[in-house]
């Protein structure tokens, strides 16, 4: 479960970065 949560957080972070670049 711990590794699953870390992976999910990394995916959320990647999504936010892509959204930030698209917004810019």
PDBML (XML) file of the C-alpha atoms, coordinates in Angstrom:
<?xml version="1.0" encoding="UTF-8" ?>
<PDBx:datablock datablockName="MODEL"
   xmlns:PDBx="http://pdbml.pdb.org/schema/pdbx-v50.xsd"
   xmlns:xsi="http://www.w3.org/2001/XMLSchema-instance"
   xsi:schemaLocation="http://pdbml.pdb.org/schema/pdbx-v50.xsd pdbx-v50.xsd">
   <PDBx:atom_siteCategory>
      <PDBx:atom_site id="1">
         <PDBx:B_iso_or_equiv>0.00</PDBx:B_iso_or_equiv>
         <PDBx:Cartn_x>0.000</PDBx:Cartn_x>
         <PDBx:Cartn_y>0.000</PDBx:Cartn_y>
         <PDBx:Cartn_z>0.000</PDBx:Cartn_z>
         <PDBx:auth_asym_id>A</PDBx:auth_asym_id>
         <PDBx:auth_atom_id>CA</PDBx:auth_atom_id>
         <PDBx:auth_comp_id>UNK</PDBx:auth_comp_id>
         <PDBx:auth_seq_id>1</PDBx:auth_seq_id>
         <PDBx:group_PDB>ATOM</PDBx:group_PDB>
         <PDBx:label_alt_id xsi:nil="true" />
         <PDBx:label_asym_id>A</PDBx:label_asym_id>
         <PDBx:label_atom_id>CA</PDBx:label_atom_id>
         <PDBx:label_comp_id>UNK</PDBx:label_comp_id>
         <PDBx:label_entity_id>1</PDBx:label_entity_id>
         <PDBx:label_seq_id>1</PDBx:label_seq_id>
         <PDBx:occupancy>1.00</PDBx:occupancy>
         <PDBx:pdbx_PDB_model_num>1</PDBx:pdbx_PDB_model_num>
         <PDBx:type_symbol>C</PDBx:type_symbol>
      </PDBx:atom_site>
      <PDBx:atom_site id="2">
         <PDBx:B_iso_or_equiv>0.00</PDBx:B_iso_or_equiv>
         <PDBx:Cartn_x>2.788</PDBx:Cartn_x>
         <PDBx:Cartn_y>2.461</PDBx:Cartn_y>
         <PDBx:Cartn_z>0.831</PDBx:Cartn_z>
         <PDBx:auth_asym_id>A</PDBx:auth_asym_id>
         <PDBx:auth_atom_id>CA</PDBx:auth_atom_id>
         <PDBx:auth_comp_id>UNK</PDBx:auth_comp_id>
         <PDBx:auth_seq_id>2</PDBx:auth_seq_id>
         <PDBx:group_PDB>ATOM</PDBx:group_PDB>
         <PDBx:label_alt_id xsi:nil="true" />
         <PDBx:label_asym_id>A</PDBx:label_asym_id>
         <PDBx:label_atom_id>CA</PDBx:label_atom_id>
         <PDBx:label_comp_id>UNK</PDBx:label_comp_id>
         <PDBx:label_entity_id>1</PDBx:label_entity_id>
         <PDBx:label_seq_id>2</PDBx:label_seq_id>
         <PDBx:occupancy>1.00</PDBx:occupancy>
         <PDBx:pdbx_PDB_model_num>1</PDBx:pdbx_PDB_model_num>
         <PDBx:type_symbol>C</PDBx:type_symbol>
      </PDBx:atom_site>
      <PDBx:atom_site id="3">
         <PDBx:B_iso_or_equiv>0.00</PDBx:B_iso_or_equiv>
         <PDBx:Cartn_x>4.370</PDBx:Cartn_x>
         <PDBx:Cartn_y>2.074</PDBx:Cartn_y>
         <PDBx:Cartn_z>-2.590</PDBx:Cartn_z>
         <PDBx:auth_asym_id>A</PDBx:auth_asym_id>
         <PDBx:auth_atom_id>CA</PDBx:auth_atom_id>
         <PDBx:auth_comp_id>UNK</PDBx:auth_comp_id>
         <PDBx:auth_seq_id>3</PDBx:auth_seq_id>
         <PDBx:group_PDB>ATOM</PDBx:group_PDB>
         <PDBx:label_alt_id xsi:nil="true" />
         <PDBx:label_asym_id>A</PDBx:label_asym_id>
         <PDBx:label_atom_id>CA</PDBx:label_atom_id>
         <PDBx:label_comp_id>UNK</PDBx:label_comp_id>
         <PDBx:label_entity_id>1</PDBx:label_entity_id>
         <PDBx:label_seq_id>3</PDBx:label_seq_id>
         <PDBx:occupancy>1.00</PDBx:occupancy>
         <PDBx:pdbx_PDB_model_num>1</PDBx:pdbx_PDB_model_num>
         <PDBx:type_symbol>C</PDBx:type_symbol>
      </PDBx:atom_site>
      <PDBx:atom_site id="4">
         <PDBx:B_iso_or_equiv>0.00</PDBx:B_iso_or_equiv>
         <PDBx:Cartn_x>0.939</PDBx:Cartn_x>
         <PDBx:Cartn_y>2.377</PDBx:Cartn_y>
         <PDBx:Cartn_z>-4.227</PDBx:Cartn_z>
         <PDBx:auth_asym_id>A</PDBx:auth_asym_id>
         <PDBx:auth_atom_id>CA</PDBx:auth_atom_id>
         <PDBx:auth_comp_id>UNK</PDBx:auth_comp_id>
         <PDBx:auth_seq_id>4</PDBx:auth_seq_id>
         <PDBx:group_PDB>ATOM</PDBx:group_PDB>
         <PDBx:label_alt_id xsi:nil="true" />
         <PDBx:label_asym_id>A</PDBx:label_asym_id>
         <PDBx:label_atom_id>CA</PDBx:label_atom_id>
         <PDBx:label_comp_id>UNK</PDBx:label_comp_id>
         <PDBx:label_entity_id>1</PDBx:label_entity_id>
         <PDBx:label_seq_id>4</PDBx:label_seq_id>
         <PDBx:occupancy>1.00</PDBx:occupancy>
         <PDBx:pdbx_PDB_model_num>1</PDBx:pdbx_PDB_model_num>
         <PDBx:type_symbol>C</PDBx:type_symbol>
      </PDBx:atom_site>
      <PDBx:atom_site id="5">
         <PDBx:B_iso_or_equiv>0.00</PDBx:B_iso_or_equiv>
         <PDBx:Cartn_x>0.297</PDBx:Cartn_x>
         <PDBx:Cartn_y>5.681</PDBx:Cartn_y>
         <PDBx:Cartn_z>-2.402</PDBx:Cartn_z>
         <PDBx:auth_asym_id>A</PDBx:auth_asym_id>
         <PDBx:auth_atom_id>CA</PDBx:auth_atom_id>
         <PDBx:auth_comp_id>UNK</PDBx:auth_comp_id>
         <PDBx:auth_seq_id>5</PDBx:auth_seq_id>
         <PDBx:group_PDB>ATOM</PDBx:group_PDB>
         <PDBx:label_alt_id xsi:nil="true" />
         <PDBx:label_asym_id>A</PDBx:label_asym_id>
         <PDBx:label_atom_id>CA</PDBx:label_atom_id>
         <PDBx:label_comp_id>UNK</PDBx:label_comp_id>
         <PDBx:label_entity_id>1</PDBx:label_entity_id>
         <PDBx:label_seq_id>5</PDBx:label_seq_id>
         <PDBx:occupancy>1.00</PDBx:occupancy>
         <PDBx:pdbx_PDB_model_num>1</PDBx:pdbx_PDB_model_num>
         <PDBx:type_symbol>C</PDBx:type_symbol>
      </PDBx:atom_site>
      <PDBx:atom_site id="6">
         <PDBx:B_iso_or_equiv>0.00</PDBx:B_iso_or_equiv>
         <PDBx:Cartn_x>3.711</PDBx:Cartn_x>
         <PDBx:Cartn_y>7.057</PDBx:Cartn_y>
         <PDBx:Cartn_z>-3.423</PDBx:Cartn_z>
         <PDBx:auth_asym_id>A</PDBx:auth_asym_id>
         <PDBx:auth_atom_id>CA</PDBx:auth_atom_id>
         <PDBx:auth_comp_id>UNK</PDBx:auth_comp_id>
         <PDBx:auth_seq_id>6</PDBx:auth_seq_id>
         <PDBx:group_PDB>ATOM</PDBx:group_PDB>
         <PDBx:label_alt_id xsi:nil="true" />
         <PDBx:label_asym_id>A</PDBx:label_asym_id>
         <PDBx:label_atom_id>CA</PDBx:label_atom_id>
         <PDBx:label_comp_id>UNK</PDBx:label_comp_id>
         <PDBx:label_entity_id>1</PDBx:label_entity_id>
         <PDBx:label_seq_id>6</PDBx:label_seq_id>
         <PDBx:occupancy>1.00</PDBx:occupancy>
         <PDBx:pdbx_PDB_model_num>1</PDBx:pdbx_PDB_model_num>
         <PDBx:type_symbol>C</PDBx:type_symbol>
      </PDBx:atom_site>
      <PDBx:atom_site id="7">
         <PDBx:B_iso_or_equiv>0.00</PDBx:B_iso_or_equiv>
         <PDBx:Cartn_x>3.066</PDBx:Cartn_x>
         <PDBx:Cartn_y>6.105</PDBx:Cartn_y>
         <PDBx:Cartn_z>-7.040</PDBx:Cartn_z>
         <PDBx:auth_asym_id>A</PDBx:auth_asym_id>
         <PDBx:auth_atom_id>CA</PDBx:auth_atom_id>
         <PDBx:auth_comp_id>UNK</PDBx:auth_comp_id>
         <PDBx:auth_seq_id>7</PDBx:auth_seq_id>
         <PDBx:group_PDB>ATOM</PDBx:group_PDB>
         <PDBx:label_alt_id xsi:nil="true" />
         <PDBx:label_asym_id>A</PDBx:label_asym_id>
         <PDBx:label_atom_id>CA</PDBx:label_atom_id>
         <PDBx:label_comp_id>UNK</PDBx:label_comp_id>
         <PDBx:label_entity_id>1</PDBx:label_entity_id>
         <PDBx:label_seq_id>7</PDBx:label_seq_id>
         <PDBx:occupancy>1.00</PDBx:occupancy>
         <PDBx:pdbx_PDB_model_num>1</PDBx:pdbx_PDB_model_num>
         <PDBx:type_symbol>C</PDBx:type_symbol>
      </PDBx:atom_site>
      <PDBx:atom_site id="8">
         <PDBx:B_iso_or_equiv>0.00</PDBx:B_iso_or_equiv>
         <PDBx:Cartn_x>-0.362</PDBx:Cartn_x>
         <PDBx:Cartn_y>7.792</PDBx:Cartn_y>
         <PDBx:Cartn_z>-6.954</PDBx:Cartn_z>
         <PDBx:auth_asym_id>A</PDBx:auth_asym_id>
         <PDBx:auth_atom_id>CA</PDBx:auth_atom_id>
         <PDBx:auth_comp_id>UNK</PDBx:auth_comp_id>
         <PDBx:auth_seq_id>8</PDBx:auth_seq_id>
         <PDBx:group_PDB>ATOM</PDBx:group_PDB>
         <PDBx:label_alt_id xsi:nil="true" />
         <PDBx:label_asym_id>A</PDBx:label_asym_id>
         <PDBx:label_atom_id>CA</PDBx:label_atom_id>
         <PDBx:label_comp_id>UNK</PDBx:label_comp_id>
         <PDBx:label_entity_id>1</PDBx:label_entity_id>
         <PDBx:label_seq_id>8</PDBx:label_seq_id>
         <PDBx:occupancy>1.00</PDBx:occupancy>
         <PDBx:pdbx_PDB_model_num>1</PDBx:pdbx_PDB_model_num>
         <PDBx:type_symbol>C</PDBx:type_symbol>
      </PDBx:atom_site>
      <PDBx:atom_site id="9">
         <PDBx:B_iso_or_equiv>0.00</PDBx:B_iso_or_equiv>
         <PDBx:Cartn_x>1.164</PDBx:Cartn_x>
         <PDBx:Cartn_y>10.969</PDBx:Cartn_y>
         <PDBx:Cartn_z>-5.502</PDBx:Cartn_z>
         <PDBx:auth_asym_id>A</PDBx:auth_asym_id>
         <PDBx:auth_atom_id>CA</PDBx:auth_atom_id>
         <PDBx:auth_comp_id>UNK</PDBx:auth_comp_id>
         <PDBx:auth_seq_id>9</PDBx:auth_seq_id>
         <PDBx:group_PDB>ATOM</PDBx:group_PDB>
         <PDBx:label_alt_id xsi:nil="true" />
         <PDBx:label_asym_id>A</PDBx:label_asym_id>
         <PDBx:label_atom_id>CA</PDBx:label_atom_id>
         <PDBx:label_comp_id>UNK</PDBx:label_comp_id>
         <PDBx:label_entity_id>1</PDBx:label_entity_id>
         <PDBx:label_seq_id>9</PDBx:label_seq_id>
         <PDBx:occupancy>1.00</PDBx:occupancy>
         <PDBx:pdbx_PDB_model_num>1</PDBx:pdbx_PDB_model_num>
         <PDBx:type_symbol>C</PDBx:type_symbol>
      </PDBx:atom_site>
      <PDBx:atom_site id="10">
         <PDBx:B_iso_or_equiv>0.00</PDBx:B_iso_or_equiv>
         <PDBx:Cartn_x>3.820</PDBx:Cartn_x>
         <PDBx:Cartn_y>10.996</PDBx:Cartn_y>
         <PDBx:Cartn_z>-8.229</PDBx:Cartn_z>
         <PDBx:auth_asym_id>A</PDBx:auth_asym_id>
         <PDBx:auth_atom_id>CA</PDBx:auth_atom_id>
         <PDBx:auth_comp_id>UNK</PDBx:auth_comp_id>
         <PDBx:auth_seq_id>10</PDBx:auth_seq_id>
         <PDBx:group_PDB>ATOM</PDBx:group_PDB>
         <PDBx:label_alt_id xsi:nil="true" />
         <PDBx:label_asym_id>A</PDBx:label_asym_id>
         <PDBx:label_atom_id>CA</PDBx:label_atom_id>
         <PDBx:label_comp_id>UNK</PDBx:label_comp_id>
         <PDBx:label_entity_id>1</PDBx:label_entity_id>
         <PDBx:label_seq_id>10</PDBx:label_seq_id>
         <PDBx:occupancy>1.00</PDBx:occupancy>
         <PDBx:pdbx_PDB_model_num>1</PDBx:pdbx_PDB_model_num>
         <PDBx:type_symbol>C</PDBx:type_symbol>
      </PDBx:atom_site>
      <PDBx:atom_site id="11">
         <PDBx:B_iso_or_equiv>0.00</PDBx:B_iso_or_equiv>
         <PDBx:Cartn_x>1.123</PDBx:Cartn_x>
         <PDBx:Cartn_y>10.658</PDBx:Cartn_y>
         <PDBx:Cartn_z>-10.904</PDBx:Cartn_z>
         <PDBx:auth_asym_id>A</PDBx:auth_asym_id>
         <PDBx:auth_atom_id>CA</PDBx:auth_atom_id>
         <PDBx:auth_comp_id>UNK</PDBx:auth_comp_id>
         <PDBx:auth_seq_id>11</PDBx:auth_seq_id>
         <PDBx:group_PDB>ATOM</PDBx:group_PDB>
         <PDBx:label_alt_id xsi:nil="true" />
         <PDBx:label_asym_id>A</PDBx:label_asym_id>
         <PDBx:label_atom_id>CA</PDBx:label_atom_id>
         <PDBx:label_comp_id>UNK</PDBx:label_comp_id>
         <PDBx:label_entity_id>1</PDBx:label_entity_id>
         <PDBx:label_seq_id>11</PDBx:label_seq_id>
         <PDBx:occupancy>1.00</PDBx:occupancy>
         <PDBx:pdbx_PDB_model_num>1</PDBx:pdbx_PDB_model_num>
         <PDBx:type_symbol>C</PDBx:type_symbol>
      </PDBx:atom_site>
      <PDBx:atom_site id="12">
         <PDBx:B_iso_or_equiv>0.00</PDBx:B_iso_or_equiv>
         <PDBx:Cartn_x>-0.819</PDBx:Cartn_x>
         <PDBx:Cartn_y>13.565</PDBx:Cartn_y>
         <PDBx:Cartn_z>-9.331</PDBx:Cartn_z>
         <PDBx:auth_asym_id>A</PDBx:auth_asym_id>
         <PDBx:auth_atom_id>CA</PDBx:auth_atom_id>
         <PDBx:auth_comp_id>UNK</PDBx:auth_comp_id>
         <PDBx:auth_seq_id>12</PDBx:auth_seq_id>
         <PDBx:group_PDB>ATOM</PDBx:group_PDB>
         <PDBx:label_alt_id xsi:nil="true" />
         <PDBx:label_asym_id>A</PDBx:label_asym_id>
         <PDBx:label_atom_id>CA</PDBx:label_atom_id>
         <PDBx:label_comp_id>UNK</PDBx:label_comp_id>
         <PDBx:label_entity_id>1</PDBx:label_entity_id>
         <PDBx:label_seq_id>12</PDBx:label_seq_id>
         <PDBx:occupancy>1.00</PDBx:occupancy>
         <PDBx:pdbx_PDB_model_num>1</PDBx:pdbx_PDB_model_num>
         <PDBx:type_symbol>C</PDBx:type_symbol>
      </PDBx:atom_site>
      <PDBx:atom_site id="13">
         <PDBx:B_iso_or_equiv>0.00</PDBx:B_iso_or_equiv>
         <PDBx:Cartn_x>2.343</PDBx:Cartn_x>
         <PDBx:Cartn_y>15.660</PDBx:Cartn_y>
         <PDBx:Cartn_z>-9.328</PDBx:Cartn_z>
         <PDBx:auth_asym_id>A</PDBx:auth_asym_id>
         <PDBx:auth_atom_id>CA</PDBx:auth_atom_id>
         <PDBx:auth_comp_id>UNK</PDBx:auth_comp_id>
         <PDBx:auth_seq_id>13</PDBx:auth_seq_id>
         <PDBx:group_PDB>ATOM</PDBx:group_PDB>
         <PDBx:label_alt_id xsi:nil="true" />
         <PDBx:label_asym_id>A</PDBx:label_asym_id>
         <PDBx:label_atom_id>CA</PDBx:label_atom_id>
         <PDBx:label_comp_id>UNK</PDBx:label_comp_id>
         <PDBx:label_entity_id>1</PDBx:label_entity_id>
         <PDBx:label_seq_id>13</PDBx:label_seq_id>
         <PDBx:occupancy>1.00</PDBx:occupancy>
         <PDBx:pdbx_PDB_model_num>1</PDBx:pdbx_PDB_model_num>
         <PDBx:type_symbol>C</PDBx:type_symbol>
      </PDBx:atom_site>
      <PDBx:atom_site id="14">
         <PDBx:B_iso_or_equiv>0.00</PDBx:B_iso_or_equiv>
         <PDBx:Cartn_x>2.978</PDBx:Cartn_x>
         <PDBx:Cartn_y>14.810</PDBx:Cartn_y>
         <PDBx:Cartn_z>-13.012</PDBx:Cartn_z>
         <PDBx:auth_asym_id>A</PDBx:auth_asym_id>
         <PDBx:auth_atom_id>CA</PDBx:auth_atom_id>
         <PDBx:auth_comp_id>UNK</PDBx:auth_comp_id>
         <PDBx:auth_seq_id>14</PDBx:auth_seq_id>
         <PDBx:group_PDB>ATOM</PDBx:group_PDB>
         <PDBx:label_alt_id xsi:nil="true" />
         <PDBx:label_asym_id>A</PDBx:label_asym_id>
         <PDBx:label_atom_id>CA</PDBx:label_atom_id>
         <PDBx:label_comp_id>UNK</PDBx:label_comp_id>
         <PDBx:label_entity_id>1</PDBx:label_entity_id>
         <PDBx:label_seq_id>14</PDBx:label_seq_id>
         <PDBx:occupancy>1.00</PDBx:occupancy>
         <PDBx:pdbx_PDB_model_num>1</PDBx:pdbx_PDB_model_num>
         <PDBx:type_symbol>C</PDBx:type_symbol>
      </PDBx:atom_site>
      <PDBx:atom_site id="15">
         <PDBx:B_iso_or_equiv>0.00</PDBx:B_iso_or_equiv>
         <PDBx:Cartn_x>-0.589</PDBx:Cartn_x>
         <PDBx:Cartn_y>15.808</PDBx:Cartn_y>
         <PDBx:Cartn_z>-13.869</PDBx:Cartn_z>
         <PDBx:auth_asym_id>A</PDBx:auth_asym_id>
         <PDBx:auth_atom_id>CA</PDBx:auth_atom_id>
         <PDBx:auth_comp_id>UNK</PDBx:auth_comp_id>
         <PDBx:auth_seq_id>15</PDBx:auth_seq_id>
         <PDBx:group_PDB>ATOM</PDBx:group_PDB>
         <PDBx:label_alt_id xsi:nil="true" />
         <PDBx:label_asym_id>A</PDBx:label_asym_id>
         <PDBx:label_atom_id>CA</PDBx:label_atom_id>
         <PDBx:label_comp_id>UNK</PDBx:label_comp_id>
         <PDBx:label_entity_id>1</PDBx:label_entity_id>
         <PDBx:label_seq_id>15</PDBx:label_seq_id>
         <PDBx:occupancy>1.00</PDBx:occupancy>
         <PDBx:pdbx_PDB_model_num>1</PDBx:pdbx_PDB_model_num>
         <PDBx:type_symbol>C</PDBx:type_symbol>
      </PDBx:atom_site>
      <PDBx:atom_site id="16">
         <PDBx:B_iso_or_equiv>0.00</PDBx:B_iso_or_equiv>
         <PDBx:Cartn_x>-0.212</PDBx:Cartn_x>
         <PDBx:Cartn_y>19.156</PDBx:Cartn_y>
         <PDBx:Cartn_z>-12.082</PDBx:Cartn_z>
         <PDBx:auth_asym_id>A</PDBx:auth_asym_id>
         <PDBx:auth_atom_id>CA</PDBx:auth_atom_id>
         <PDBx:auth_comp_id>UNK</PDBx:auth_comp_id>
         <PDBx:auth_seq_id>16</PDBx:auth_seq_id>
         <PDBx:group_PDB>ATOM</PDBx:group_PDB>
         <PDBx:label_alt_id xsi:nil="true" />
         <PDBx:label_asym_id>A</PDBx:label_asym_id>
         <PDBx:label_atom_id>CA</PDBx:label_atom_id>
         <PDBx:label_comp_id>UNK</PDBx:label_comp_id>
         <PDBx:label_entity_id>1</PDBx:label_entity_id>
         <PDBx:label_seq_id>16</PDBx:label_seq_id>
         <PDBx:occupancy>1.00</PDBx:occupancy>
         <PDBx:pdbx_PDB_model_num>1</PDBx:pdbx_PDB_model_num>
         <PDBx:type_symbol>C</PDBx:type_symbol>
      </PDBx:atom_site>
      <PDBx:atom_site id="17">
         <PDBx:B_iso_or_equiv>0.00</PDBx:B_iso_or_equiv>
         <PDBx:Cartn_x>3.061</PDBx:Cartn_x>
         <PDBx:Cartn_y>19.900</PDBx:Cartn_y>
         <PDBx:Cartn_z>-13.901</PDBx:Cartn_z>
         <PDBx:auth_asym_id>A</PDBx:auth_asym_id>
         <PDBx:auth_atom_id>CA</PDBx:auth_atom_id>
         <PDBx:auth_comp_id>UNK</PDBx:auth_comp_id>
         <PDBx:auth_seq_id>17</PDBx:auth_seq_id>
         <PDBx:group_PDB>ATOM</PDBx:group_PDB>
         <PDBx:label_alt_id xsi:nil="true" />
         <PDBx:label_asym_id>A</PDBx:label_asym_id>
         <PDBx:label_atom_id>CA</PDBx:label_atom_id>
         <PDBx:label_comp_id>UNK</PDBx:label_comp_id>
         <PDBx:label_entity_id>1</PDBx:label_entity_id>
         <PDBx:label_seq_id>17</PDBx:label_seq_id>
         <PDBx:occupancy>1.00</PDBx:occupancy>
         <PDBx:pdbx_PDB_model_num>1</PDBx:pdbx_PDB_model_num>
         <PDBx:type_symbol>C</PDBx:type_symbol>
      </PDBx:atom_site>
      <PDBx:atom_site id="18">
         <PDBx:B_iso_or_equiv>0.00</PDBx:B_iso_or_equiv>
         <PDBx:Cartn_x>1.505</PDBx:Cartn_x>
         <PDBx:Cartn_y>19.078</PDBx:Cartn_y>
         <PDBx:Cartn_z>-17.307</PDBx:Cartn_z>
         <PDBx:auth_asym_id>A</PDBx:auth_asym_id>
         <PDBx:auth_atom_id>CA</PDBx:auth_atom_id>
         <PDBx:auth_comp_id>UNK</PDBx:auth_comp_id>
         <PDBx:auth_seq_id>18</PDBx:auth_seq_id>
         <PDBx:group_PDB>ATOM</PDBx:group_PDB>
         <PDBx:label_alt_id xsi:nil="true" />
         <PDBx:label_asym_id>A</PDBx:label_asym_id>
         <PDBx:label_atom_id>CA</PDBx:label_atom_id>
         <PDBx:label_comp_id>UNK</PDBx:label_comp_id>
         <PDBx:label_entity_id>1</PDBx:label_entity_id>
         <PDBx:label_seq_id>18</PDBx:label_seq_id>
         <PDBx:occupancy>1.00</PDBx:occupancy>
         <PDBx:pdbx_PDB_model_num>1</PDBx:pdbx_PDB_model_num>
         <PDBx:type_symbol>C</PDBx:type_symbol>
      </PDBx:atom_site>
      <PDBx:atom_site id="19">
         <PDBx:B_iso_or_equiv>0.00</PDBx:B_iso_or_equiv>
         <PDBx:Cartn_x>-1.489</PDBx:Cartn_x>
         <PDBx:Cartn_y>21.278</PDBx:Cartn_y>
         <PDBx:Cartn_z>-16.421</PDBx:Cartn_z>
         <PDBx:auth_asym_id>A</PDBx:auth_asym_id>
         <PDBx:auth_atom_id>CA</PDBx:auth_atom_id>
         <PDBx:auth_comp_id>UNK</PDBx:auth_comp_id>
         <PDBx:auth_seq_id>19</PDBx:auth_seq_id>
         <PDBx:group_PDB>ATOM</PDBx:group_PDB>
         <PDBx:label_alt_id xsi:nil="true" />
         <PDBx:label_asym_id>A</PDBx:label_asym_id>
         <PDBx:label_atom_id>CA</PDBx:label_atom_id>
         <PDBx:label_comp_id>UNK</PDBx:label_comp_id>
         <PDBx:label_entity_id>1</PDBx:label_entity_id>
         <PDBx:label_seq_id>19</PDBx:label_seq_id>
         <PDBx:occupancy>1.00</PDBx:occupancy>
         <PDBx:pdbx_PDB_model_num>1</PDBx:pdbx_PDB_model_num>
         <PDBx:type_symbol>C</PDBx:type_symbol>
      </PDBx:atom_site>
      <PDBx:atom_site id="20">
         <PDBx:B_iso_or_equiv>0.00</PDBx:B_iso_or_equiv>
         <PDBx:Cartn_x>0.859</PDBx:Cartn_x>
         <PDBx:Cartn_y>24.088</PDBx:Cartn_y>
         <PDBx:Cartn_z>-15.326</PDBx:Cartn_z>
         <PDBx:auth_asym_id>A</PDBx:auth_asym_id>
         <PDBx:auth_atom_id>CA</PDBx:auth_atom_id>
         <PDBx:auth_comp_id>UNK</PDBx:auth_comp_id>
         <PDBx:auth_seq_id>20</PDBx:auth_seq_id>
         <PDBx:group_PDB>ATOM</PDBx:group_PDB>
         <PDBx:label_alt_id xsi:nil="true" />
         <PDBx:label_asym_id>A</PDBx:label_asym_id>
         <PDBx:label_atom_id>CA</PDBx:label_atom_id>
         <PDBx:label_comp_id>UNK</PDBx:label_comp_id>
         <PDBx:label_entity_id>1</PDBx:label_entity_id>
         <PDBx:label_seq_id>20</PDBx:label_seq_id>
         <PDBx:occupancy>1.00</PDBx:occupancy>
         <PDBx:pdbx_PDB_model_num>1</PDBx:pdbx_PDB_model_num>
         <PDBx:type_symbol>C</PDBx:type_symbol>
      </PDBx:atom_site>
      <PDBx:atom_site id="21">
         <PDBx:B_iso_or_equiv>0.00</PDBx:B_iso_or_equiv>
         <PDBx:Cartn_x>2.807</PDBx:Cartn_x>
         <PDBx:Cartn_y>23.933</PDBx:Cartn_y>
         <PDBx:Cartn_z>-18.603</PDBx:Cartn_z>
         <PDBx:auth_asym_id>A</PDBx:auth_asym_id>
         <PDBx:auth_atom_id>CA</PDBx:auth_atom_id>
         <PDBx:auth_comp_id>UNK</PDBx:auth_comp_id>
         <PDBx:auth_seq_id>21</PDBx:auth_seq_id>
         <PDBx:group_PDB>ATOM</PDBx:group_PDB>
         <PDBx:label_alt_id xsi:nil="true" />
         <PDBx:label_asym_id>A</PDBx:label_asym_id>
         <PDBx:label_atom_id>CA</PDBx:label_atom_id>
         <PDBx:label_comp_id>UNK</PDBx:label_comp_id>
         <PDBx:label_entity_id>1</PDBx:label_entity_id>
         <PDBx:label_seq_id>21</PDBx:label_seq_id>
         <PDBx:occupancy>1.00</PDBx:occupancy>
         <PDBx:pdbx_PDB_model_num>1</PDBx:pdbx_PDB_model_num>
         <PDBx:type_symbol>C</PDBx:type_symbol>
      </PDBx:atom_site>
      <PDBx:atom_site id="22">
         <PDBx:B_iso_or_equiv>0.00</PDBx:B_iso_or_equiv>
         <PDBx:Cartn_x>-0.414</PDBx:Cartn_x>
         <PDBx:Cartn_y>23.896</PDBx:Cartn_y>
         <PDBx:Cartn_z>-20.653</PDBx:Cartn_z>
         <PDBx:auth_asym_id>A</PDBx:auth_asym_id>
         <PDBx:auth_atom_id>CA</PDBx:auth_atom_id>
         <PDBx:auth_comp_id>UNK</PDBx:auth_comp_id>
         <PDBx:auth_seq_id>22</PDBx:auth_seq_id>
         <PDBx:group_PDB>ATOM</PDBx:group_PDB>
         <PDBx:label_alt_id xsi:nil="true" />
         <PDBx:label_asym_id>A</PDBx:label_asym_id>
         <PDBx:label_atom_id>CA</PDBx:label_atom_id>
         <PDBx:label_comp_id>UNK</PDBx:label_comp_id>
         <PDBx:label_entity_id>1</PDBx:label_entity_id>
         <PDBx:label_seq_id>22</PDBx:label_seq_id>
         <PDBx:occupancy>1.00</PDBx:occupancy>
         <PDBx:pdbx_PDB_model_num>1</PDBx:pdbx_PDB_model_num>
         <PDBx:type_symbol>C</PDBx:type_symbol>
      </PDBx:atom_site>
      <PDBx:atom_site id="23">
         <PDBx:B_iso_or_equiv>0.00</PDBx:B_iso_or_equiv>
         <PDBx:Cartn_x>-1.770</PDBx:Cartn_x>
         <PDBx:Cartn_y>26.820</PDBx:Cartn_y>
         <PDBx:Cartn_z>-18.628</PDBx:Cartn_z>
         <PDBx:auth_asym_id>A</PDBx:auth_asym_id>
         <PDBx:auth_atom_id>CA</PDBx:auth_atom_id>
         <PDBx:auth_comp_id>UNK</PDBx:auth_comp_id>
         <PDBx:auth_seq_id>23</PDBx:auth_seq_id>
         <PDBx:group_PDB>ATOM</PDBx:group_PDB>
         <PDBx:label_alt_id xsi:nil="true" />
         <PDBx:label_asym_id>A</PDBx:label_asym_id>
         <PDBx:label_atom_id>CA</PDBx:label_atom_id>
         <PDBx:label_comp_id>UNK</PDBx:label_comp_id>
         <PDBx:label_entity_id>1</PDBx:label_entity_id>
         <PDBx:label_seq_id>23</PDBx:label_seq_id>
         <PDBx:occupancy>1.00</PDBx:occupancy>
         <PDBx:pdbx_PDB_model_num>1</PDBx:pdbx_PDB_model_num>
         <PDBx:type_symbol>C</PDBx:type_symbol>
      </PDBx:atom_site>
      <PDBx:atom_site id="24">
         <PDBx:B_iso_or_equiv>0.00</PDBx:B_iso_or_equiv>
         <PDBx:Cartn_x>1.456</PDBx:Cartn_x>
         <PDBx:Cartn_y>28.787</PDBx:Cartn_y>
         <PDBx:Cartn_z>-19.179</PDBx:Cartn_z>
         <PDBx:auth_asym_id>A</PDBx:auth_asym_id>
         <PDBx:auth_atom_id>CA</PDBx:auth_atom_id>
         <PDBx:auth_comp_id>UNK</PDBx:auth_comp_id>
         <PDBx:auth_seq_id>24</PDBx:auth_seq_id>
         <PDBx:group_PDB>ATOM</PDBx:group_PDB>
         <PDBx:label_alt_id xsi:nil="true" />
         <PDBx:label_asym_id>A</PDBx:label_asym_id>
         <PDBx:label_atom_id>CA</PDBx:label_atom_id>
         <PDBx:label_comp_id>UNK</PDBx:label_comp_id>
         <PDBx:label_entity_id>1</PDBx:label_entity_id>
         <PDBx:label_seq_id>24</PDBx:label_seq_id>
         <PDBx:occupancy>1.00</PDBx:occupancy>
         <PDBx:pdbx_PDB_model_num>1</PDBx:pdbx_PDB_model_num>
         <PDBx:type_symbol>C</PDBx:type_symbol>
      </PDBx:atom_site>
   </PDBx:atom_siteCategory>
</PDBx:datablock>
